[in-house]
């Protein structure tokens, strides 16, 4: 089993999300886009839509990868 914030029951903090997103944005590949979407999904679960939208705007994810504020990141596998 892969250990993640979710499997360890640690909430994803906004500071940790910023750290991870900064790395993914700096690298900027399609793989990093997918990883950023996973981070946003964790934020969606722990902090709701306002947290997600704030990070999308803060890191310019709409311009970089077309990830728009208002996009809902929910897994069908809860």
N, C-alpha and C. Protein backbone atom coordinates (compact mmCIF):
# COMPACT_ATOMS: atom_id res chain seq x y z
N UNK A 1 0.84 -1.17 0.00
CA UNK A 1 0.00 0.00 0.00
C UNK A 1 0.89 1.24 0.00
N UNK A 2 0.52 2.21 -0.81
CA UNK A 2 1.24 3.47 -0.87
C UNK A 2 0.76 4.36 0.28
N UNK A 3 1.70 4.94 0.99
CA UNK A 3 1.34 5.84 2.08
C UNK A 3 1.13 7.24 1.53
N UNK A 4 -0.04 7.79 1.76
CA UNK A 4 -0.37 9.15 1.35
C UNK A 4 -0.94 9.87 2.56
N UNK A 5 -1.19 11.16 2.40
CA UNK A 5 -1.83 11.91 3.48
C UNK A 5 -3.16 11.27 3.84
N UNK A 6 -3.88 10.80 2.84
CA UNK A 6 -5.20 10.22 3.08
C UNK A 6 -5.09 8.91 3.85
N UNK A 7 -4.19 8.02 3.47
CA UNK A 7 -4.09 6.72 4.15
C UNK A 7 -3.55 6.88 5.56
N UNK A 8 -2.80 7.93 5.81
CA UNK A 8 -2.29 8.19 7.16
C UNK A 8 -3.25 9.05 7.98
N UNK A 9 -4.35 9.48 7.36
CA UNK A 9 -5.35 10.34 7.99
C UNK A 9 -4.78 11.69 8.44
N UNK A 10 -3.79 12.19 7.70
CA UNK A 10 -3.29 13.54 7.93
C UNK A 10 -3.97 14.46 6.93
N UNK A 11 -4.54 15.55 7.41
CA UNK A 11 -5.11 16.48 6.44
C UNK A 11 -4.00 17.17 5.64
N UNK A 12 -4.27 17.45 4.38
CA UNK A 12 -3.34 18.21 3.56
C UNK A 12 -3.46 19.67 3.97
N UNK A 13 -2.38 20.23 4.47
CA UNK A 13 -2.41 21.64 4.85
C UNK A 13 -2.24 22.50 3.60
N UNK A 14 -2.71 23.72 3.67
CA UNK A 14 -2.53 24.64 2.55
C UNK A 14 -1.05 24.93 2.32
N UNK A 15 -0.27 25.00 3.39
CA UNK A 15 1.17 25.24 3.24
C UNK A 15 1.85 24.08 2.52
N UNK A 16 1.50 22.85 2.88
CA UNK A 16 2.07 21.69 2.20
C UNK A 16 1.64 21.66 0.75
N UNK A 17 0.39 21.99 0.49
CA UNK A 17 -0.11 22.03 -0.89
C UNK A 17 0.65 23.08 -1.70
N UNK A 18 0.92 24.23 -1.11
CA UNK A 18 1.68 25.27 -1.81
C UNK A 18 3.09 24.78 -2.15
N UNK A 19 3.70 24.09 -1.22
CA UNK A 19 5.05 23.56 -1.44
C UNK A 19 5.04 22.56 -2.60
N UNK A 20 4.08 21.64 -2.58
CA UNK A 20 3.99 20.65 -3.65
C UNK A 20 3.66 21.28 -4.99
N UNK A 21 2.69 22.20 -5.00
CA UNK A 21 2.29 22.84 -6.25
C UNK A 21 3.42 23.68 -6.84
N UNK A 22 4.20 24.34 -5.98
CA UNK A 22 5.33 25.13 -6.47
C UNK A 22 6.31 24.25 -7.24
N UNK A 23 6.56 23.06 -6.73
CA UNK A 23 7.45 22.12 -7.41
C UNK A 23 6.86 21.69 -8.75
N UNK A 24 5.58 21.33 -8.76
CA UNK A 24 4.94 20.86 -9.99
C UNK A 24 4.87 21.96 -11.04
N UNK A 25 4.58 23.17 -10.61
CA UNK A 25 4.51 24.30 -11.55
C UNK A 25 5.89 24.58 -12.13
N UNK A 26 6.93 24.50 -11.30
CA UNK A 26 8.29 24.77 -11.78
C UNK A 26 8.70 23.75 -12.85
N UNK A 27 8.29 22.50 -12.67
CA UNK A 27 8.65 21.47 -13.65
C UNK A 27 7.74 21.53 -14.88
N UNK A 28 6.45 21.76 -14.67
CA UNK A 28 5.54 22.12 -15.73
C UNK A 28 5.14 21.08 -16.77
N UNK A 29 5.42 19.80 -16.56
CA UNK A 29 5.05 18.81 -17.57
C UNK A 29 3.61 18.33 -17.37
N UNK A 30 3.15 17.52 -18.32
CA UNK A 30 1.83 16.93 -18.20
C UNK A 30 1.72 16.03 -16.98
N UNK A 31 2.80 15.34 -16.65
CA UNK A 31 2.80 14.51 -15.45
C UNK A 31 2.63 15.37 -14.21
N UNK A 32 3.25 16.53 -14.21
CA UNK A 32 3.11 17.45 -13.08
C UNK A 32 1.70 18.04 -13.00
N UNK A 33 1.06 18.22 -14.15
CA UNK A 33 -0.34 18.67 -14.15
C UNK A 33 -1.20 17.64 -13.43
N UNK A 34 -0.99 16.37 -13.74
CA UNK A 34 -1.78 15.32 -13.09
C UNK A 34 -1.51 15.27 -11.59
N UNK A 35 -0.26 15.43 -11.22
CA UNK A 35 0.10 15.43 -9.80
C UNK A 35 -0.54 16.64 -9.10
N UNK A 36 -0.55 17.79 -9.76
CA UNK A 36 -1.18 18.99 -9.19
C UNK A 36 -2.68 18.75 -8.99
N UNK A 37 -3.32 18.06 -9.93
CA UNK A 37 -4.74 17.74 -9.78
C UNK A 37 -4.98 16.85 -8.56
N UNK A 38 -4.07 15.94 -8.28
CA UNK A 38 -4.20 15.10 -7.09
C UNK A 38 -4.07 15.94 -5.81
N UNK A 39 -3.13 16.87 -5.81
CA UNK A 39 -2.98 17.76 -4.66
C UNK A 39 -4.26 18.57 -4.47
N UNK A 40 -4.80 19.08 -5.56
CA UNK A 40 -6.04 19.86 -5.46
C UNK A 40 -7.20 19.00 -4.96
N UNK A 41 -7.20 17.74 -5.30
CA UNK A 41 -8.22 16.83 -4.79
C UNK A 41 -8.13 16.66 -3.28
N UNK A 42 -6.92 16.60 -2.77
CA UNK A 42 -6.73 16.52 -1.32
C UNK A 42 -7.24 17.80 -0.65
N UNK A 43 -6.94 18.94 -1.26
CA UNK A 43 -7.39 20.22 -0.71
C UNK A 43 -8.91 20.30 -0.77
N UNK A 44 -9.49 19.83 -1.87
CA UNK A 44 -10.96 19.80 -2.00
C UNK A 44 -11.57 19.06 -0.81
N UNK A 45 -11.02 17.90 -0.49
CA UNK A 45 -11.55 17.08 0.59
C UNK A 45 -11.37 17.75 1.95
N UNK A 46 -10.21 18.36 2.17
CA UNK A 46 -9.88 18.88 3.50
C UNK A 46 -10.28 20.34 3.72
N UNK A 47 -10.34 21.14 2.65
CA UNK A 47 -10.57 22.58 2.81
C UNK A 47 -11.70 23.12 1.95
N UNK A 48 -12.25 22.31 1.07
CA UNK A 48 -13.38 22.74 0.26
C UNK A 48 -12.98 23.55 -0.97
N UNK A 49 -14.01 23.97 -1.69
CA UNK A 49 -13.81 24.68 -2.96
C UNK A 49 -13.06 26.00 -2.82
N UNK A 50 -13.29 26.79 -1.76
CA UNK A 50 -12.53 28.04 -1.64
C UNK A 50 -11.01 27.82 -1.58
N UNK A 51 -10.59 26.75 -0.90
CA UNK A 51 -9.16 26.44 -0.83
C UNK A 51 -8.60 26.08 -2.20
N UNK A 52 -9.35 25.29 -2.95
CA UNK A 52 -8.93 24.88 -4.29
C UNK A 52 -8.85 26.09 -5.21
N UNK A 53 -9.90 26.90 -5.22
CA UNK A 53 -9.93 28.06 -6.12
C UNK A 53 -8.80 29.04 -5.80
N UNK A 54 -8.51 29.22 -4.52
CA UNK A 54 -7.41 30.11 -4.14
C UNK A 54 -6.07 29.64 -4.66
N UNK A 55 -5.82 28.34 -4.57
CA UNK A 55 -4.55 27.80 -5.07
C UNK A 55 -4.48 27.86 -6.59
N UNK A 56 -5.59 27.63 -7.26
CA UNK A 56 -5.61 27.72 -8.73
C UNK A 56 -5.22 29.13 -9.15
N UNK A 57 -5.79 30.12 -8.48
CA UNK A 57 -5.47 31.52 -8.82
C UNK A 57 -4.03 31.88 -8.42
N UNK A 58 -3.64 31.45 -7.23
CA UNK A 58 -2.30 31.78 -6.71
C UNK A 58 -1.19 31.28 -7.63
N UNK A 59 -1.35 30.09 -8.18
CA UNK A 59 -0.31 29.49 -9.01
C UNK A 59 -0.57 29.63 -10.50
N UNK A 60 -1.64 30.34 -10.89
CA UNK A 60 -1.91 30.56 -12.31
C UNK A 60 -2.16 29.27 -13.08
N UNK A 61 -2.85 28.33 -12.45
CA UNK A 61 -3.04 27.01 -13.06
C UNK A 61 -3.97 27.06 -14.27
N UNK A 62 -4.82 28.07 -14.35
CA UNK A 62 -5.67 28.20 -15.53
C UNK A 62 -4.83 28.54 -16.76
N UNK A 63 -3.90 29.45 -16.61
CA UNK A 63 -3.03 29.82 -17.73
C UNK A 63 -2.05 28.70 -18.07
N UNK A 64 -1.55 28.02 -17.05
CA UNK A 64 -0.54 27.00 -17.25
C UNK A 64 -1.12 25.71 -17.83
N UNK A 65 -2.19 25.21 -17.22
CA UNK A 65 -2.73 23.90 -17.61
C UNK A 65 -4.22 23.90 -17.90
N UNK A 66 -4.87 25.07 -17.87
CA UNK A 66 -6.30 25.12 -18.14
C UNK A 66 -7.17 24.64 -16.99
N UNK A 67 -6.61 24.60 -15.79
CA UNK A 67 -7.39 24.21 -14.61
C UNK A 67 -8.07 25.47 -14.09
N UNK A 68 -9.40 25.51 -14.20
CA UNK A 68 -10.15 26.73 -13.90
C UNK A 68 -10.70 26.73 -12.48
N UNK A 69 -10.80 27.92 -11.88
CA UNK A 69 -11.50 28.02 -10.60
C UNK A 69 -12.93 27.49 -10.77
N UNK A 70 -13.41 26.81 -9.76
CA UNK A 70 -14.74 26.21 -9.84
C UNK A 70 -14.70 24.74 -10.23
N UNK A 71 -13.54 24.28 -10.72
CA UNK A 71 -13.40 22.86 -11.06
C UNK A 71 -13.45 22.06 -9.76
N UNK A 72 -14.27 21.02 -9.75
CA UNK A 72 -14.41 20.18 -8.57
C UNK A 72 -13.51 18.95 -8.74
N UNK A 73 -12.71 18.71 -7.73
CA UNK A 73 -11.79 17.57 -7.73
C UNK A 73 -12.26 16.57 -6.67
N UNK A 74 -13.15 15.69 -7.10
CA UNK A 74 -13.65 14.65 -6.20
C UNK A 74 -13.45 13.30 -6.84
N UNK A 75 -13.01 12.37 -6.05
CA UNK A 75 -12.83 11.01 -6.55
C UNK A 75 -14.13 10.25 -6.44
N UNK A 76 -14.39 9.41 -7.42
CA UNK A 76 -15.55 8.54 -7.31
C UNK A 76 -15.26 7.39 -6.34
N UNK A 77 -14.00 7.25 -5.95
CA UNK A 77 -13.58 6.21 -5.02
C UNK A 77 -13.29 6.83 -3.67
N UNK A 78 -14.29 6.98 -2.84
CA UNK A 78 -14.10 7.61 -1.53
C UNK A 78 -13.86 6.59 -0.46
